[in-house]
Amino acid sequence: MKKESKQSKLIDSKELILALEDLEKEKGIKKDYMLESIETALVTAYKRNYDSTSDNVKVTMNAETGEVHVFAEKTVVESVEDDKIEINLADAKKINKKLAVGDVAQLEIIPRDFGRIAAQTAKQVIIQKIREASRNVLFDEFSEKKGEIVSGLIQKADGGIVVVDLGKLEGVMPLKEQISTENYKVNDKIRAYIVNVERGIKGAPQVIISRSNADFVRKLFELEIPEIYEGVIEIKSVSRDAGSRSKVAVYSQNENIDPVGSCVGQKGIRIQNIINELNGEKIDVIEWNADPSIYISAALLPAQVLAVDINEEEKFAQVIVPDDQLSLAIGKSGQNVRLAAKLTNWKIDIKSESQFRKMIEERNNEEAEEDIAEAEDVEEVEETEVAEETETTEE
């Protein structure tokens, strides 16, 4: 009985209210919201513990004292047909003299042992809401870090997803966000780019991280190159074949600044730090230019370009390179030209100098043949006209 009394006191005293007020201050969970949640949970607890299926049960908690009251709500009628949901007018008047037929009367129920159930239910609701609030705080915190680089220790790496301990949360790196040439091992320290923050199972935040995303390279440049972080140099575009090669187009409005040189650094030390982070991935840093011909030529580095013929309307570029530069311009499996096209957002067709000359010769020959054919057609027409005039004269 003492135990029952103690637990009843817990739910019937101000201790719970004070706890809810502290939660509101520390966790930002509104007191009214918590009270409403506890009342809803208490209705469910009452029905479960007292075999009640009626929907007319109401539980209220006093916002000042924490006292819990359970009511059965019944409609006031002249003649009762179902005493579970109805009450006659005379009995209703005993509860409240102002009640009339059609009103709803509240009859307080005092269930045996409900103090213990109420205390236990309130505790469970509070724990649940604290957990939800903590999840929301973490979700908001990591949502603000979306697009940033984070560090952590690998917890799981079994050939599928890689799970990384980020401190307060775990980061998940799906297979498509991994670099195929990298080998991930448990307890290895790793840096990755936050692609997204999602709601996982039961609302828990899930951080999706990547090492293959092109923006991972962009953020590494921002961290390593002070001029980029400060906005003096701008990254215009990044294209990437993760684990193999990246192309980065940079630009500065300040004519006194060499954007490419600043990114590469003295003796290549700045760019080397980024390459090391990417485990040897090659990086071409090129200068962006508003002139598409110059920009496309730079994008095809390390190949040399002789000429670029552009079609602005179709965003198509015909590029001519020396014969010995053709394979370099195209790259292994077309990688160089593919990255250049993605970097510049132009369709690029590459021809060697000899291929271009041959193409011009063939085009000239075709045009010459067309001219000869047209001339022959003209002669035939003229001969026909002369013959017709002769026949007319003889007649």
Foldseek 3Di string as FASTA:
>chain_A
DVVLVVLLCCQQACPLLVVLVVCCVPLVDDSVVLQVLLFVLLVVLCCVVVVDPDPQKGWHADNRGSHIWIWGKAAEACDDDDVSRHDHPVVQCVQPVPDDHGDIGIDTDDDPSSSNVSSVSSVVSVVVVSVLSVQVVVLVVVQVQALHKAKFFWADDDPAWTWTCRPVDIAIEGPVQEFPVDDHDGRDMAMWHFHHWDQDPPRHIYTYTHDQDQSVLVNLLLVLQVCPVVPQKDWPFKFDDQLAEIETEIEGPDPVDDNQDSCCDDVRPSVVVSCVSSVNHYYQYFYDDPPLFVLLQRLLPPFHWDGWDADVVQLEIETEGAPVRQCSSCDDVSVSQVNSCRGSVGHYDYDYPVRVVVVVVVVVVVVVVVVVVVVVVVVVVVVVVVVVVVVVVVD
